[in-house]
């Protein structure tokens, strides 16, 4: 496949994914989606699955259910029907059926403690997270407003040690462009506390301070969303980050009275455990919130 053709497919697919995230509460009609992007519907399905490894319908369903699973914990005074409507479901019945299919329990059971059992089983998929002794109870975030960022990236499917190979490719690209002033960011398209780790989409990103120095255009670009975020400063080692994300979603967020949005969280690295010889990290973790 020609590089230009692949770049075009990646751009279209990322534009589609961005649209889905920002319109997830609406009825996303596939025919209208194809018309909006001025693209053949069947070609749109084909390239989306080629780039993301799952079809558009599966992605929409997954994002809706991720949002719903969080809202059930944070929106204590919302009814099941209200949450279903907010996540793009036209009826409570269809929402409950989809939720049970994904999480093997009703939304009400999830809300009353079932989420902990489900999430803990996912945590067991990571040996490093199981071995982590980190404690986060004393961490207090700052509420910040973040700008939109243009990032070069490599997408990786799966959350585990193989992410290191993706960061090594990013590092090679940095050297080829002789970049000295840039920010390393990991973006989590899927919530690894409720999505099986091998299915999570992890995105390794580089945001150069000055793009005029970028001569190698091999990596595609996308935009990291602006908005209001809870910023958590954290240091640790492999395994601690997954355990931390688990704590943020299932301990801090429900108690905070904030809601999260469909914007993916991301981590800004000051020390990257995938590249640093010490295998330790120093990050700021940004969780999109609203009150």
Protein backbone atom coordinates (compact mmCIF):
# COMPACT_ATOMS: atom_id res chain seq x y z
CA UNK A 1 0.00 0.00 0.00
CA UNK A 2 1.29 3.46 -0.88
CA UNK A 3 2.16 5.69 2.05
CA UNK A 4 -0.19 8.43 0.76
CA UNK A 5 -3.10 5.97 0.64
CA UNK A 6 -2.45 4.75 4.18
CA UNK A 7 -2.16 8.32 5.49
CA UNK A 8 -5.50 9.18 3.88
CA UNK A 9 -7.17 6.15 5.46
CA UNK A 10 -5.72 6.99 8.88
CA UNK A 11 -6.90 10.62 8.65
CA UNK A 12 -10.44 9.65 7.64
CA UNK A 13 -10.64 7.02 10.38
CA UNK A 14 -9.39 9.42 13.05
CA UNK A 15 -11.83 12.11 11.91
CA UNK A 16 -14.62 9.52 12.18
CA UNK A 17 -13.51 8.50 15.68
CA UNK A 18 -13.31 12.13 16.80
CA UNK A 19 -16.83 12.74 15.46
CA UNK A 20 -18.16 9.68 17.31
CA UNK A 21 -16.64 10.79 20.61
CA UNK A 22 -18.05 14.32 20.29
CA UNK A 23 -21.55 13.21 19.20
CA UNK A 24 -21.92 10.03 21.27
CA UNK A 25 -25.08 11.26 23.03
CA UNK A 26 -26.91 11.63 19.69
CA UNK A 27 -28.37 9.06 17.32
CA UNK A 28 -25.37 8.56 15.02
CA UNK A 29 -26.81 7.55 11.66
CA UNK A 30 -24.26 5.73 9.49
CA UNK A 31 -25.72 7.01 6.21
CA UNK A 32 -25.60 10.58 7.49
CA UNK A 33 -22.08 9.98 8.79
CA UNK A 34 -20.91 8.90 5.34
CA UNK A 35 -22.65 11.90 3.78
CA UNK A 36 -21.07 14.25 6.34
CA UNK A 37 -17.58 13.03 5.42
CA UNK A 38 -18.46 12.79 1.70
CA UNK A 39 -17.37 9.16 1.54
CA UNK A 40 -18.89 5.89 0.32
CA UNK A 41 -20.54 4.10 3.26
CA UNK A 42 -19.01 0.70 2.51
CA UNK A 43 -15.53 2.15 2.01
CA UNK A 44 -15.97 4.05 5.28
CA UNK A 45 -16.74 0.81 7.15
CA UNK A 46 -13.81 -0.97 5.47
CA UNK A 47 -11.09 1.54 6.30
CA UNK A 48 -12.38 2.16 9.84
CA UNK A 49 -12.11 -1.54 10.68
CA UNK A 50 -8.75 -1.74 8.91
CA UNK A 51 -7.31 1.06 11.09
CA UNK A 52 -9.04 0.42 14.43
CA UNK A 53 -9.55 -3.35 14.37
CA UNK A 54 -13.31 -3.12 15.00
CA UNK A 55 -16.25 -1.77 13.06
CA UNK A 56 -18.02 1.55 13.55
CA UNK A 57 -21.06 0.02 15.24
CA UNK A 58 -18.87 -1.78 17.80
CA UNK A 59 -16.95 1.43 18.52
CA UNK A 60 -20.11 3.48 19.04
CA UNK A 61 -21.54 0.83 21.34
CA UNK A 62 -18.31 0.53 23.32
CA UNK A 63 -17.96 4.30 23.84
CA UNK A 64 -21.60 4.65 24.88
CA UNK A 65 -21.32 1.87 27.42
CA UNK A 66 -18.05 3.23 28.80
CA UNK A 67 -19.73 6.59 29.31
CA UNK A 68 -22.80 4.94 30.88
CA UNK A 69 -20.72 2.82 33.26
CA UNK A 70 -19.07 5.99 34.59
CA UNK A 71 -22.27 8.05 34.76
CA UNK A 72 -23.95 5.32 36.81
CA UNK A 73 -21.32 5.95 39.50
CA UNK A 74 -20.97 9.73 39.28
CA UNK A 75 -24.57 10.80 38.58
CA UNK A 76 -26.05 9.48 41.80
CA UNK A 77 -29.36 11.32 41.36
CA UNK A 78 -29.95 10.42 37.70
CA UNK A 79 -32.35 7.61 36.85
CA UNK A 80 -31.35 4.69 34.63
CA UNK A 81 -33.56 6.15 31.88
CA UNK A 82 -31.88 9.57 32.11
CA UNK A 83 -28.43 7.99 31.83
CA UNK A 84 -29.57 5.83 28.92
CA UNK A 85 -30.80 8.94 27.08
CA UNK A 86 -27.59 10.83 27.83
CA UNK A 87 -25.58 8.01 26.26
CA UNK A 88 -27.62 7.91 23.04
CA UNK A 89 -30.07 5.10 23.84
CA UNK A 90 -33.66 5.71 22.78
CA UNK A 91 -35.14 3.33 25.37
CA UNK A 92 -34.27 2.00 28.80
CA UNK A 93 -34.95 -1.55 27.62
CA UNK A 94 -32.38 -1.44 24.81
CA UNK A 95 -29.86 0.17 27.16
CA UNK A 96 -30.28 -2.47 29.88
CA UNK A 97 -29.99 -5.26 27.30
CA UNK A 98 -26.76 -3.79 25.85
CA UNK A 99 -25.34 -3.14 29.32
CA UNK A 100 -26.01 -6.70 30.51
CA UNK A 101 -24.44 -8.08 27.34
CA UNK A 102 -21.26 -6.08 27.97
CA UNK A 103 -20.92 -6.25 31.77
CA UNK A 104 -22.92 -9.40 32.66
CA UNK A 105 -25.05 -7.45 35.14
CA UNK A 106 -27.81 -4.86 35.15
CA UNK A 107 -27.03 -1.14 35.40
CA UNK A 108 -28.59 -1.13 38.87
CA UNK A 109 -26.36 -3.97 40.08
CA UNK A 110 -23.33 -2.20 38.60
CA UNK A 111 -24.28 0.96 40.42
CA UNK A 112 -24.65 -0.76 43.80
CA UNK A 113 -21.18 -2.31 43.88
CA UNK A 114 -21.00 -4.73 40.95
CA UNK A 115 -18.52 -2.45 39.18
CA UNK A 116 -15.82 -3.26 41.74
CA UNK A 117 -15.93 -6.99 41.07
CA UNK A 118 -15.93 -6.46 37.30
CA UNK A 119 -13.07 -3.96 37.41
CA UNK A 120 -10.98 -6.06 39.79
CA UNK A 121 -11.17 -9.00 37.37
CA UNK A 122 -9.71 -6.80 34.63
CA UNK A 123 -6.96 -5.66 36.99
CA UNK A 124 -6.04 -9.34 37.43
CA UNK A 125 -5.09 -9.42 33.73
CA UNK A 126 -1.99 -7.39 34.60
CA UNK A 127 0.63 -9.13 36.73
CA UNK A 128 2.43 -5.82 37.27
CA UNK A 129 -0.74 -4.12 38.54
CA UNK A 130 -1.35 -7.01 40.94
CA UNK A 131 2.17 -6.62 42.33
CA UNK A 132 1.82 -2.84 42.76
CA UNK A 133 1.93 -1.62 46.36
CA UNK A 134 1.11 1.99 45.41
CA UNK A 135 -1.43 3.93 47.44
CA UNK A 136 -3.18 7.01 46.04
CA UNK A 137 -5.47 8.12 48.87
CA UNK A 138 -3.44 11.26 49.60
CA UNK A 139 -3.33 12.50 46.01
CA UNK A 140 -5.37 15.65 45.41
CA UNK A 141 -5.81 16.89 41.84
CA UNK A 142 -5.76 20.45 40.55
CA UNK A 143 -8.58 21.58 38.27
CA UNK A 144 -7.06 23.05 35.12
CA UNK A 145 -8.11 24.26 31.70
CA UNK A 146 -6.05 22.65 28.95
CA UNK A 147 -5.56 23.82 25.35
CA UNK A 148 -6.08 21.69 22.28
CA UNK A 149 -2.84 20.02 21.15
CA UNK A 150 -1.74 18.77 17.74
CA UNK A 151 0.02 15.45 18.25
CA UNK A 152 1.94 13.02 16.07
CA UNK A 153 1.14 9.50 17.19
CA UNK A 154 1.29 5.73 16.88
CA UNK A 155 -1.77 3.76 17.94
CA UNK A 156 -1.28 0.45 19.80
CA UNK A 157 -3.96 -2.14 20.51
CA UNK A 158 -3.54 -3.71 23.92
CA UNK A 159 -2.32 -2.40 27.26
CA UNK A 160 0.85 -4.12 28.40
CA UNK A 161 4.60 -4.45 27.99
CA UNK A 162 4.45 -4.42 24.17
CA UNK A 163 3.61 -0.71 24.35
CA UNK A 164 7.36 -0.28 24.88
CA UNK A 165 7.97 -1.22 21.21
CA UNK A 166 5.59 1.53 20.13
CA UNK A 167 7.47 4.10 22.22
CA UNK A 168 10.77 2.93 20.72
CA UNK A 169 9.37 3.74 17.26
CA UNK A 170 8.33 7.16 18.53
CA UNK A 171 11.85 7.65 19.92
CA UNK A 172 13.35 6.73 16.54
CA UNK A 173 11.13 9.32 14.85
CA UNK A 174 12.25 11.94 17.40
CA UNK A 175 15.92 11.22 16.63
CA UNK A 176 15.30 11.34 12.88
CA UNK A 177 13.78 14.79 13.24
CA UNK A 178 16.47 15.89 15.75
CA UNK A 179 13.74 17.18 18.07
CA UNK A 180 14.88 18.56 21.41
CA UNK A 181 11.77 20.37 22.67
CA UNK A 182 8.65 18.21 22.74
CA UNK A 183 6.08 16.63 25.06
CA UNK A 184 5.45 12.89 25.33
CA UNK A 185 1.80 11.97 25.94
CA UNK A 186 -0.06 8.71 26.27
CA UNK A 187 -3.76 8.87 25.46
CA UNK A 188 -6.24 6.21 26.59
CA UNK A 189 -9.06 5.85 24.04
CA UNK A 190 -10.54 3.03 26.14
CA UNK A 191 -10.96 2.90 29.90
CA UNK A 192 -8.64 0.07 31.03
CA UNK A 193 -10.64 -0.45 34.21
CA UNK A 194 -13.72 -1.65 32.31
CA UNK A 195 -12.29 -2.79 28.95
CA UNK A 196 -10.26 -6.01 28.70
CA UNK A 197 -6.63 -4.95 28.42
CA UNK A 198 -6.00 -6.68 25.09
CA UNK A 199 -8.89 -4.67 23.56
CA UNK A 200 -7.80 -1.23 24.82
CA UNK A 201 -6.60 1.32 22.28
CA UNK A 202 -3.50 3.08 23.64
CA UNK A 203 -2.03 6.02 21.73
CA UNK A 204 1.61 7.12 22.11
CA UNK A 205 1.91 10.81 21.15
CA UNK A 206 4.52 13.48 20.57
CA UNK A 207 3.71 17.20 20.62
CA UNK A 208 6.68 19.18 19.25
CA UNK A 209 6.98 22.76 20.49
CA UNK A 210 8.06 23.91 17.03
CA UNK A 211 6.66 21.93 14.11
CA UNK A 212 8.91 23.66 11.59
CA UNK A 213 11.63 21.23 12.67
CA UNK A 214 9.54 18.20 11.68
CA UNK A 215 10.88 17.00 8.32
CA UNK A 216 9.81 13.34 8.56
CA UNK A 217 6.02 13.20 8.08
CA UNK A 218 5.84 9.43 8.54
CA UNK A 219 3.60 9.70 11.62
CA UNK A 220 -0.05 10.75 11.31
CA UNK A 221 -1.50 13.61 13.35
CA UNK A 222 -4.62 14.17 15.40
CA UNK A 223 -5.93 16.65 17.96
CA UNK A 224 -5.97 16.08 21.73
CA UNK A 225 -9.11 17.79 23.05
CA UNK A 226 -9.07 21.01 25.03
CA UNK A 227 -11.30 21.47 28.07
CA UNK A 228 -11.46 21.29 31.85
CA UNK A 229 -9.45 18.49 33.43
CA UNK A 230 -8.57 17.14 36.86
CA UNK A 231 -4.76 16.99 36.87
CA UNK A 232 -3.10 14.34 39.06
CA UNK A 233 0.69 14.44 39.56
CA UNK A 234 2.11 10.97 40.06
CA UNK A 235 5.41 9.07 40.26
CA UNK A 236 5.79 5.29 40.22
CA UNK A 237 6.80 2.19 38.32
CA UNK A 238 5.20 -0.18 35.85
CA UNK A 239 1.94 -1.54 37.18
CA UNK A 240 1.25 1.51 39.32
CA UNK A 241 -0.34 3.48 36.46
CA UNK A 242 -3.03 0.89 35.70
CA UNK A 243 -3.80 0.59 39.40
CA UNK A 244 -3.97 4.40 39.60
CA UNK A 245 -6.45 4.65 36.71
CA UNK A 246 -8.54 2.01 38.48
CA UNK A 247 -8.52 4.18 41.63
CA UNK A 248 -9.35 7.40 39.73
CA UNK A 249 -12.46 5.97 38.07
CA UNK A 250 -13.80 3.81 40.86
CA UNK A 251 -12.72 5.59 44.03
CA UNK A 252 -11.91 9.26 43.42
CA UNK A 253 -14.47 10.07 40.71
CA UNK A 254 -17.61 8.75 42.49
CA UNK A 255 -16.67 10.61 45.68
CA UNK A 256 -15.70 13.85 43.93
CA UNK A 257 -19.19 14.79 42.64
CA UNK A 258 -17.61 15.52 39.26
CA UNK A 259 -18.61 13.72 36.07
CA UNK A 260 -16.19 12.61 33.42
CA UNK A 261 -16.89 13.24 29.73
CA UNK A 262 -16.32 11.18 26.59
CA UNK A 263 -12.98 12.94 26.00
CA UNK A 264 -10.22 10.37 26.52
CA UNK A 265 -7.90 10.92 29.50
CA UNK A 266 -4.19 11.34 28.85
CA UNK A 267 -0.87 11.35 30.68
CA UNK A 268 1.94 13.86 30.09
CA UNK A 269 5.33 12.26 30.75
CA UNK A 270 8.23 13.96 32.49
CA UNK A 271 9.86 10.53 32.81
CA UNK A 272 8.56 7.70 30.58
CA UNK A 273 8.76 4.21 32.14
CA UNK A 274 8.69 2.65 28.68
CA UNK A 275 11.89 4.48 27.66
CA UNK A 276 13.72 5.23 30.91
CA UNK A 277 16.24 2.61 32.10
CA UNK A 278 14.85 2.84 35.63
CA UNK A 279 11.42 1.65 34.35
CA UNK A 280 9.86 4.35 36.54
CA UNK A 281 7.59 7.21 35.50
CA UNK A 282 6.78 10.77 36.48
CA UNK A 283 3.55 12.07 34.94
CA UNK A 284 0.60 14.40 35.11
CA UNK A 285 -2.61 12.48 34.44
CA UNK A 286 -5.49 14.51 33.00
CA UNK A 287 -9.11 13.37 33.42
CA UNK A 288 -11.78 15.36 31.56
CA UNK A 289 -14.46 16.51 34.01
CA UNK A 290 -17.62 18.58 34.34
CA UNK A 291 -19.60 19.65 37.40
